[in-house]
Every structure is written in C-alpha cells, then in structure tokens.
Amino acid sequence: MSVKIRVPAQLRTLTGGAGEVAVDGATVGEALKALDAAHPGFGERLFDETGQLRRFVNVFVSDEDVRFLDGLATPVAEGQTVSIVPAVAGG
C-alpha cells in the first residue's frame, strides 16, 4: 500500500531535493524503513540504536503525533501522508 512521506528541507539532500516521496508500508515503521531502503541515510537520522524514533524526530500521520498513537506500529492507510518534523530548539 502506497503512502506519501513529507521530507523536511534539511533531509531533502537524501531524496535528491524531493519534498515528498511515495513508499509502500502498512505501518509508520514499515514506511520509514522503505524510505531508508529507497533513499539510504534516513535510518541513521530517524532511528536510535534500539530501532526507536530519535528523541528529536517527530512523526505525524494526518496531523497526529505517532508518539500518542501506536508509535512505529501506527497503521497507515493507502494514500495517507506521513510527515517527518525535526524538533526545533529555541533559547
């Protein structure tokens, strides 16, 4: 099943400049792994050594933070959009 992943500007060098990439996956985790398979380098930026999302990476499905859903196991439907949003630090 095809889902769209929105890629933030600072990671678009990995996608050749594309701001949105279509991948296959039934869950957020599967979709992000497919993104890394198609565009190597995402995995190390998104996942920590235990395979979980890094603290400073936020992922949303239809404007809902997956941390408040089922995390990487959050299901995604055909045509849904997964957005990667890096945390912004301020001072």
PDB file of N, CA and C in Angstrom:
ATOM      1  N   MET A   1       0.845  -1.164   0.000  1.00  0.00           N
ATOM      2  CA  MET A   1       0.000   0.000   0.000  1.00  0.00           C
ATOM      3  C   MET A   1       0.888   1.224   0.000  1.00  0.00           C
ATOM      4  N   SER A   2       0.572   2.178  -0.824  1.00  0.00           N
ATOM      5  CA  SER A   2       1.422   3.345  -1.027  1.00  0.00           C
ATOM      6  C   SER A   2       1.005   4.489  -0.108  1.00  0.00           C
ATOM      7  N   VAL A   3       1.993   5.052   0.584  1.00  0.00           N
ATOM      8  CA  VAL A   3       1.781   6.228   1.414  1.00  0.00           C
ATOM      9  C   VAL A   3       2.794   7.290   0.995  1.00  0.00           C
ATOM     10  N   LYS A   4       2.481   8.539   1.302  1.00  0.00           N
ATOM     11  CA  LYS A   4       3.398   9.634   0.989  1.00  0.00           C
ATOM     12  C   LYS A   4       4.132  10.036   2.264  1.00  0.00           C
ATOM     13  N   ILE A   5       5.422  10.296   2.132  1.00  0.00           N
ATOM     14  CA  ILE A   5       6.197  10.797   3.264  1.00  0.00           C
ATOM     15  C   ILE A   5       6.668  12.191   2.921  1.00  0.00           C
ATOM     16  N   ARG A   6       6.334  13.144   3.784  1.00  0.00           N
ATOM     17  CA  ARG A   6       6.805  14.517   3.627  1.00  0.00           C
ATOM     18  C   ARG A   6       8.170  14.621   4.287  1.00  0.00           C
ATOM     19  N   VAL A   7       9.131  15.090   3.520  1.00  0.00           N
ATOM     20  CA  VAL A   7      10.515  15.171   3.968  1.00  0.00           C
ATOM     21  C   VAL A   7      10.861  16.631   4.264  1.00  0.00           C
ATOM     22  N   PRO A   8      11.390  16.906   5.476  1.00  0.00           N
ATOM     23  CA  PRO A   8      11.751  18.289   5.799  1.00  0.00           C
ATOM     24  C   PRO A   8      12.930  18.771   4.950  1.00  0.00           C
ATOM     25  N   ALA A   9      13.040  20.067   4.796  1.00  0.00           N
ATOM     26  CA  ALA A   9      14.066  20.665   3.930  1.00  0.00           C
ATOM     27  C   ALA A   9      15.468  20.171   4.267  1.00  0.00           C
ATOM     28  N   GLN A  10      15.795  20.031   5.559  1.00  0.00           N
ATOM     29  CA  GLN A  10      17.159  19.655   5.928  1.00  0.00           C
ATOM     30  C   GLN A  10      17.497  18.201   5.604  1.00  0.00           C
ATOM     31  N   LEU A  11      16.524  17.390   5.219  1.00  0.00           N
ATOM     32  CA  LEU A  11      16.793  15.996   4.834  1.00  0.00           C
ATOM     33  C   LEU A  11      16.597  15.749   3.337  1.00  0.00           C
ATOM     34  N   ARG A  12      16.265  16.772   2.597  1.00  0.00           N
ATOM     35  CA  ARG A  12      15.971  16.592   1.169  1.00  0.00           C
ATOM     36  C   ARG A  12      17.199  16.274   0.332  1.00  0.00           C
ATOM     37  N   THR A  13      18.389  16.483   0.866  1.00  0.00           N
ATOM     38  CA  THR A  13      19.590  16.080   0.125  1.00  0.00           C
ATOM     39  C   THR A  13      19.578  14.563  -0.079  1.00  0.00           C
ATOM     40  N   LEU A  14      18.931  13.839   0.831  1.00  0.00           N
ATOM     41  CA  LEU A  14      18.859  12.376   0.724  1.00  0.00           C
ATOM     42  C   LEU A  14      17.879  11.927  -0.352  1.00  0.00           C
ATOM     43  N   THR A  15      16.936  12.790  -0.711  1.00  0.00           N
ATOM     44  CA  THR A  15      15.921  12.419  -1.706  1.00  0.00           C
ATOM     45  C   THR A  15      16.140  13.132  -3.026  1.00  0.00           C
ATOM     46  N   GLY A  16      17.326  13.711  -3.216  1.00  0.00           N
ATOM     47  CA  GLY A  16      17.581  14.450  -4.449  1.00  0.00           C
ATOM     48  C   GLY A  16      16.757  15.712  -4.556  1.00  0.00           C
ATOM     49  N   GLY A  17      16.346  16.257  -3.397  1.00  0.00           N
ATOM     50  CA  GLY A  17      15.589  17.501  -3.374  1.00  0.00           C
ATOM     51  C   GLY A  17      14.086  17.328  -3.265  1.00  0.00           C
ATOM     52  N   ALA A  18      13.598  16.093  -3.365  1.00  0.00           N
ATOM     53  CA  ALA A  18      12.153  15.866  -3.307  1.00  0.00           C
ATOM     54  C   ALA A  18      11.605  16.126  -1.909  1.00  0.00           C
ATOM     55  N   GLY A  19      10.512  16.864  -1.840  1.00  0.00           N
ATOM     56  CA  GLY A  19       9.875  17.159  -0.564  1.00  0.00           C
ATOM     57  C   GLY A  19       8.855  16.124  -0.167  1.00  0.00           C
ATOM     58  N   GLU A  20       8.492  15.263  -1.100  1.00  0.00           N
ATOM     59  CA  GLU A  20       7.521  14.204  -0.819  1.00  0.00           C
ATOM     60  C   GLU A  20       7.931  12.961  -1.590  1.00  0.00           C
ATOM     61  N   VAL A  21       7.869  11.816  -0.915  1.00  0.00           N
ATOM     62  CA  VAL A  21       8.289  10.556  -1.513  1.00  0.00           C
ATOM     63  C   VAL A  21       7.193   9.520  -1.270  1.00  0.00           C
ATOM     64  N   ALA A  22       6.856   8.745  -2.287  1.00  0.00           N
ATOM     65  CA  ALA A  22       5.875   7.665  -2.132  1.00  0.00           C
ATOM     66  C   ALA A  22       6.612   6.364  -1.833  1.00  0.00           C
ATOM     67  N   VAL A  23       6.145   5.662  -0.795  1.00  0.00           N
ATOM     68  CA  VAL A  23       6.729   4.370  -0.414  1.00  0.00           C
ATOM     69  C   VAL A  23       5.596   3.413  -0.066  1.00  0.00           C
ATOM     70  N   ASP A  24       5.948   2.136   0.058  1.00  0.00           N
ATOM     71  CA  ASP A  24       4.972   1.142   0.489  1.00  0.00           C
ATOM     72  C   ASP A  24       5.168   0.852   1.961  1.00  0.00           C
ATOM     73  N   GLY A  25       4.066   0.642   2.668  1.00  0.00           N
ATOM     74  CA  GLY A  25       4.124   0.281   4.072  1.00  0.00           C
ATOM     75  C   GLY A  25       2.753   0.316   4.690  1.00  0.00           C
ATOM     76  N   ALA A  26       2.492  -0.638   5.591  1.00  0.00           N
ATOM     77  CA  ALA A  26       1.202  -0.699   6.267  1.00  0.00           C
ATOM     78  C   ALA A  26       1.245  -0.001   7.623  1.00  0.00           C
ATOM     79  N   THR A  27       2.477   0.264   8.119  1.00  0.00           N
ATOM     80  CA  THR A  27       2.645   0.967   9.385  1.00  0.00           C
ATOM     81  C   THR A  27       3.657   2.095   9.180  1.00  0.00           C
ATOM     82  N   VAL A  28       3.726   2.986  10.144  1.00  0.00           N
ATOM     83  CA  VAL A  28       4.702   4.069  10.085  1.00  0.00           C
ATOM     84  C   VAL A  28       6.114   3.492  10.009  1.00  0.00           C
ATOM     85  N   GLY A  29       6.398   2.479  10.830  1.00  0.00           N
ATOM     86  CA  GLY A  29       7.723   1.869  10.833  1.00  0.00           C
ATOM     87  C   GLY A  29       8.092   1.263   9.491  1.00  0.00           C
ATOM     88  N   GLU A  30       7.154   0.549   8.866  1.00  0.00           N
ATOM     89  CA  GLU A  30       7.411  -0.055   7.555  1.00  0.00           C
ATOM     90  C   GLU A  30       7.656   1.034   6.508  1.00  0.00           C
ATOM     91  N   ALA A  31       6.864   2.095   6.562  1.00  0.00           N
ATOM     92  CA  ALA A  31       7.018   3.181   5.593  1.00  0.00           C
ATOM     93  C   ALA A  31       8.374   3.867   5.751  1.00  0.00           C
ATOM     94  N   LEU A  32       8.797   4.108   6.996  1.00  0.00           N
ATOM     95  CA  LEU A  32      10.086   4.763   7.219  1.00  0.00           C
ATOM     96  C   LEU A  32      11.249   3.850   6.833  1.00  0.00           C
ATOM     97  N   LYS A  33      11.108   2.556   7.050  1.00  0.00           N
ATOM     98  CA  LYS A  33      12.149   1.610   6.617  1.00  0.00           C
ATOM     99  C   LYS A  33      12.219   1.553   5.086  1.00  0.00           C
ATOM    100  N   ALA A  34      11.068   1.630   4.423  1.00  0.00           N
ATOM    101  CA  ALA A  34      11.039   1.653   2.959  1.00  0.00           C
ATOM    102  C   ALA A  34      11.674   2.943   2.443  1.00  0.00           C
ATOM    103  N   LEU A  35      11.454   4.042   3.156  1.00  0.00           N
ATOM    104  CA  LEU A  35      12.089   5.308   2.782  1.00  0.00           C
ATOM    105  C   LEU A  35      13.606   5.176   2.860  1.00  0.00           C
ATOM    106  N   ASP A  36      14.110   4.560   3.923  1.00  0.00           N
ATOM    107  CA  ASP A  36      15.557   4.376   4.083  1.00  0.00           C
ATOM    108  C   ASP A  36      16.105   3.431   3.014  1.00  0.00           C
ATOM    109  N   ALA A  37      15.328   2.408   2.642  1.00  0.00           N
ATOM    110  CA  ALA A  37      15.779   1.473   1.601  1.00  0.00           C
ATOM    111  C   ALA A  37      15.877   2.183   0.250  1.00  0.00           C
ATOM    112  N   ALA A  38      14.920   3.062  -0.033  1.00  0.00           N
ATOM    113  CA  ALA A  38      14.910   3.777  -1.314  1.00  0.00           C
ATOM    114  C   ALA A  38      15.899   4.946  -1.324  1.00  0.00           C
ATOM    115  N   HIS A  39      16.117   5.529  -0.171  1.00  0.00           N
ATOM    116  CA  HIS A  39      16.991   6.707  -0.044  1.00  0.00           C
ATOM    117  C   HIS A  39      17.874   6.505   1.188  1.00  0.00           C
ATOM    118  N   PRO A  40      18.951   5.740   1.058  1.00  0.00           N
ATOM    119  CA  PRO A  40      19.802   5.415   2.211  1.00  0.00           C
ATOM    120  C   PRO A  40      20.292   6.658   2.957  1.00  0.00           C
ATOM    121  N   GLY A  41      20.305   6.524   4.283  1.00  0.00           N
ATOM    122  CA  GLY A  41      20.741   7.614   5.134  1.00  0.00           C
ATOM    123  C   GLY A  41      19.653   8.075   6.088  1.00  0.00           C
ATOM    124  N   PHE A  42      18.398   7.776   5.748  1.00  0.00           N
ATOM    125  CA  PHE A  42      17.301   8.177   6.625  1.00  0.00           C
ATOM    126  C   PHE A  42      17.322   7.400   7.938  1.00  0.00           C
ATOM    127  N   GLY A  43      17.616   6.109   7.866  1.00  0.00           N
ATOM    128  CA  GLY A  43      17.576   5.267   9.056  1.00  0.00           C
ATOM    129  C   GLY A  43      18.410   5.807  10.192  1.00  0.00           C
ATOM    130  N   GLU A  44      19.653   6.170   9.903  1.00  0.00           N
ATOM    131  CA  GLU A  44      20.538   6.664  10.965  1.00  0.00           C
ATOM    132  C   GLU A  44      20.093   8.013  11.512  1.00  0.00           C
ATOM    133  N   ARG A  45      19.367   8.783  10.729  1.00  0.00           N
ATOM    134  CA  ARG A  45      18.882  10.079  11.205  1.00  0.00           C
ATOM    135  C   ARG A  45      17.568   9.965  11.971  1.00  0.00           C
ATOM    136  N   LEU A  46      16.776   8.942  11.647  1.00  0.00           N
ATOM    137  CA  LEU A  46      15.456   8.807  12.268  1.00  0.00           C
ATOM    138  C   LEU A  46      15.436   7.879  13.478  1.00  0.00           C
ATOM    139  N   PHE A  47      16.251   6.804  13.442  1.00  0.00           N
ATOM    140  CA  PHE A  47      16.177   5.769  14.474  1.00  0.00           C
ATOM    141  C   PHE A  47      17.404   5.768  15.370  1.00  0.00           C
ATOM    142  N   ASP A  48      17.194   5.461  16.658  1.00  0.00           N
ATOM    143  CA  ASP A  48      18.329   5.308  17.566  1.00  0.00           C
ATOM    144  C   ASP A  48      18.844   3.875  17.492  1.00  0.00           C
ATOM    145  N   GLU A  49      19.813   3.554  18.345  1.00  0.00           N
ATOM    146  CA  GLU A  49      20.435   2.225  18.294  1.00  0.00           C
ATOM    147  C   GLU A  49      19.482   1.097  18.683  1.00  0.00           C
ATOM    148  N   THR A  50      18.342   1.430  19.318  1.00  0.00           N
ATOM    149  CA  THR A  50      17.371   0.399  19.676  1.00  0.00           C
ATOM    150  C   THR A  50      16.277   0.242  18.616  1.00  0.00           C
ATOM    151  N   GLY A  51      16.346   1.075  17.555  1.00  0.00           N
ATOM    152  CA  GLY A  51      15.341   0.983  16.497  1.00  0.00           C
ATOM    153  C   GLY A  51      14.120   1.858  16.719  1.00  0.00           C
ATOM    154  N   GLN A  52      14.150   2.653  17.787  1.00  0.00           N
ATOM    155  CA  GLN A  52      13.037   3.564  18.060  1.00  0.00           C
ATOM    156  C   GLN A  52      13.331   4.928  17.443  1.00  0.00           C
ATOM    157  N   LEU A  53      12.295   5.744  17.317  1.00  0.00           N
ATOM    158  CA  LEU A  53      12.493   7.093  16.791  1.00  0.00           C
ATOM    159  C   LEU A  53      13.400   7.887  17.724  1.00  0.00           C
ATOM    160  N   ARG A  54      14.300   8.639  17.138  1.00  0.00           N
ATOM    161  CA  ARG A  54      15.159   9.514  17.947  1.00  0.00           C
ATOM    162  C   ARG A  54      14.294  10.555  18.663  1.00  0.00           C
ATOM    163  N   ARG A  55      14.791  11.004  19.790  1.00  0.00           N
ATOM    164  CA  ARG A  55      14.057  11.954  20.629  1.00  0.00           C
ATOM    165  C   ARG A  55      13.676  13.226  19.883  1.00  0.00           C
ATOM    166  N   PHE A  56      14.571  13.692  19.020  1.00  0.00           N
ATOM    167  CA  PHE A  56      14.359  14.987  18.356  1.00  0.00           C
ATOM    168  C   PHE A  56      13.639  14.864  17.021  1.00  0.00           C
ATOM    169  N   VAL A  57      13.134  13.679  16.704  1.00  0.00           N
ATOM    170  CA  VAL A  57      12.390  13.486  15.452  1.00  0.00           C
ATOM    171  C   VAL A  57      10.924  13.244  15.789  1.00  0.00           C
ATOM    172  N   ASN A  58      10.063  14.057  15.221  1.00  0.00           N
ATOM    173  CA  ASN A  58       8.622  13.884  15.400  1.00  0.00           C
ATOM    174  C   ASN A  58       8.037  13.386  14.088  1.00  0.00           C
ATOM    175  N   VAL A  59       7.138  12.423  14.189  1.00  0.00           N
ATOM    176  CA  VAL A  59       6.492  11.867  13.002  1.00  0.00           C
ATOM    177  C   VAL A  59       4.986  11.964  13.201  1.00  0.00           C
ATOM    178  N   PHE A  60       4.326  12.466  12.187  1.00  0.00           N
ATOM    179  CA  PHE A  60       2.883  12.661  12.249  1.00  0.00           C
ATOM    180  C   PHE A  60       2.189  11.891  11.129  1.00  0.00           C
ATOM    181  N   VAL A  61       1.017  11.348  11.445  1.00  0.00           N
ATOM    182  CA  VAL A  61       0.131  10.750  10.449  1.00  0.00           C
ATOM    183  C   VAL A  61      -1.168  11.536  10.530  1.00  0.00           C
ATOM    184  N   SER A  62      -1.517  12.181   9.442  1.00  0.00           N
ATOM    185  CA  SER A  62      -2.735  13.008   9.413  1.00  0.00           C
ATOM    186  C   SER A  62      -2.778  13.963  10.601  1.00  0.00           C
ATOM    187  N   ASP A  63      -1.691  14.685  10.834  1.00  0.00           N
ATOM    188  CA  ASP A  63      -1.581  15.702  11.879  1.00  0.00           C
ATOM    189  C   ASP A  63      -1.627  15.154  13.304  1.00  0.00           C
ATOM    190  N   GLU A  64      -1.499  13.839  13.469  1.00  0.00           N
ATOM    191  CA  GLU A  64      -1.452  13.227  14.800  1.00  0.00           C
ATOM    192  C   GLU A  64      -0.044  12.720  15.059  1.00  0.00           C
ATOM    193  N   ASP A  65       0.544  13.098  16.191  1.00  0.00           N
ATOM    194  CA  ASP A  65       1.877  12.644  16.572  1.00  0.00           C
ATOM    195  C   ASP A  65       1.827  11.147  16.875  1.00  0.00           C
ATOM    196  N   VAL A  66       2.659  10.352  16.189  1.00  0.00           N
ATOM    197  CA  VAL A  66       2.611   8.898  16.371  1.00  0.00           C
ATOM    198  C   VAL A  66       3.007   8.481  17.783  1.00  0.00           C
ATOM    199  N   ARG A  67       3.718   9.344  18.520  1.00  0.00           N
ATOM    200  CA  ARG A  67       4.074   9.016  19.911  1.00  0.00           C
ATOM    201  C   ARG A  67       2.826   8.880  20.769  1.00  0.00           C
ATOM    202  N   PHE A  68       1.746   9.547  20.373  1.00  0.00           N
ATOM    203  CA  PHE A  68       0.490   9.481  21.120  1.00  0.00           C
ATOM    204  C   PHE A  68      -0.485   8.488  20.495  1.00  0.00           C
ATOM    205  N   LEU A  69      -0.042   7.816  19.434  1.00  0.00           N
ATOM    206  CA  LEU A  69      -0.834   6.756  18.800  1.00  0.00           C
ATOM    207  C   LEU A  69      -0.151   5.436  19.145  1.00  0.00           C
ATOM    208  N   ASP A  70       0.251   4.662  18.147  1.00  0.00           N
ATOM    209  CA  ASP A  70       0.922   3.381  18.392  1.00  0.00           C
ATOM    210  C   ASP A  70       2.390   3.417  17.992  1.00  0.00           C
ATOM    211  N   GLY A  71       2.988   4.616  17.998  1.00  0.00           N
ATOM    212  CA  GLY A  71       4.402   4.736  17.648  1.00  0.00           C
ATOM    213  C   GLY A  71       4.666   4.222  16.248  1.00  0.00           C
ATOM    214  N   LEU A  72       5.746   3.461  16.098  1.00  0.00           N
ATOM    215  CA  LEU A  72       6.109   2.924  14.779  1.00  0.00           C
ATOM    216  C   LEU A  72       5.094   1.905  14.270  1.00  0.00           C
ATOM    217  N   ALA A  73       4.284   1.360  15.173  1.00  0.00           N
ATOM    218  CA  ALA A  73       3.257   0.383  14.779  1.00  0.00           C
ATOM    219  C   ALA A  73       1.961   1.055  14.323  1.00  0.00           C
ATOM    220  N   THR A  74       1.923   2.383  14.328  1.00  0.00           N
ATOM    221  CA  THR A  74       0.725   3.104  13.895  1.00  0.00           C
ATOM    222  C   THR A  74       0.399   2.738  12.453  1.00  0.00           C
ATOM    223  N   PRO A  75      -0.813   2.244  12.200  1.00  0.00           N
ATOM    224  CA  PRO A  75      -1.181   1.876  10.827  1.00  0.00           C
ATOM    225  C   PRO A  75      -1.345   3.107   9.936  1.00  0.00           C
ATOM    226  N   VAL A  76      -0.995   2.931   8.673  1.00  0.00           N
ATOM    227  CA  VAL A  76      -1.220   3.972   7.680  1.00  0.00           C
ATOM    228  C   VAL A  76      -2.046   3.382   6.546  1.00  0.00           C
ATOM    229  N   ALA A  77      -3.001   4.160   6.083  1.00  0.00           N
ATOM    230  CA  ALA A  77      -3.885   3.710   5.018  1.00  0.00           C
ATOM    231  C   ALA A  77      -3.361   4.179   3.668  1.00  0.00           C
ATOM    232  N   GLU A  78      -3.804   3.505   2.632  1.00  0.00           N
ATOM    233  CA  GLU A  78      -3.457   3.873   1.255  1.00  0.00           C
ATOM    234  C   GLU A  78      -3.665   5.375   1.052  1.00  0.00           C
ATOM    235  N   GLY A  79      -2.626   6.051   0.553  1.00  0.00           N
ATOM    236  CA  GLY A  79      -2.732   7.464   0.239  1.00  0.00           C
ATOM    237  C   GLY A  79      -2.530   8.418   1.405  1.00  0.00           C
ATOM    238  N   GLN A  80      -2.384   7.889   2.630  1.00  0.00           N
ATOM    239  CA  GLN A  80      -2.161   8.778   3.771  1.00  0.00           C
ATOM    240  C   GLN A  80      -0.781   9.413   3.687  1.00  0.00           C
ATOM    241  N   THR A  81      -0.613  10.518   4.392  1.00  0.00           N
ATOM    242  CA  THR A  81       0.660  11.225   4.407  1.00  0.00           C
ATOM    243  C   THR A  81       1.300  11.100   5.782  1.00  0.00           C
ATOM    244  N   VAL A  82       2.573  10.724   5.780  1.00  0.00           N
ATOM    245  CA  VAL A  82       3.387  10.661   6.989  1.00  0.00           C
ATOM    246  C   VAL A  82       4.346  11.844   6.899  1.00  0.00           C
ATOM    247  N   SER A  83       4.382  12.672   7.927  1.00  0.00           N
ATOM    248  CA  SER A  83       5.251  13.845   7.932  1.00  0.00           C
ATOM    249  C   SER A  83       6.362  13.679   8.951  1.00  0.00           C
ATOM    250  N   ILE A  84       7.599  13.903   8.516  1.00  0.00           N
ATOM    251  CA  ILE A  84       8.747  13.906   9.416  1.00  0.00           C
ATOM    252  C   ILE A  84       9.008  15.354   9.779  1.00  0.00           C
ATOM    253  N   VAL A  85       9.004  15.652  11.081  1.00  0.00           N
ATOM    254  CA  VAL A  85       9.179  17.012  11.539  1.00  0.00           C
ATOM    255  C   VAL A  85      10.273  17.044  12.607  1.00  0.00           C
ATOM    256  N   PRO A  86      11.452  17.570  12.250  1.00  0.00           N
ATOM    257  CA  PRO A  86      12.505  17.659  13.258  1.00  0.00           C
ATOM    258  C   PRO A  86      12.105  18.622  14.363  1.00  0.00           C
ATOM    259  N   ALA A  87      12.492  18.303  15.598  1.00  0.00           N
ATOM    260  CA  ALA A  87      12.204  19.194  16.719  1.00  0.00           C
ATOM    261  C   ALA A  87      12.989  20.486  16.538  1.00  0.00           C
ATOM    262  N   VAL A  88      12.398  21.580  16.983  1.00  0.00           N
ATOM    263  CA  VAL A  88      13.052  22.867  16.882  1.00  0.00           C
ATOM    264  C   VAL A  88      13.427  23.299  18.287  1.00  0.00           C
ATOM    265  N   ALA A  89      14.700  23.558  18.498  1.00  0.00           N
ATOM    266  CA  ALA A  89      15.169  24.020  19.810  1.00  0.00           C
ATOM    267  C   ALA A  89      15.215  25.539  19.801  1.00  0.00           C
ATOM    268  N   GLY A  90      14.870  26.108  20.910  1.00  0.00           N
ATOM    269  CA  GLY A  90      14.913  27.558  20.999  1.00  0.00           C
ATOM    270  C   GLY A  90      15.603  27.988  22.274  1.00  0.00           C
ATOM    271  N   GLY A  91      15.881  29.237  22.358  1.00  0.00           N
ATOM    272  CA  GLY A  91      16.574  29.700  23.550  1.00  0.00           C
ATOM    273  C   GLY A  91      16.059  31.017  24.020  1.00  0.00           C
TER     274      GLY A  91
END
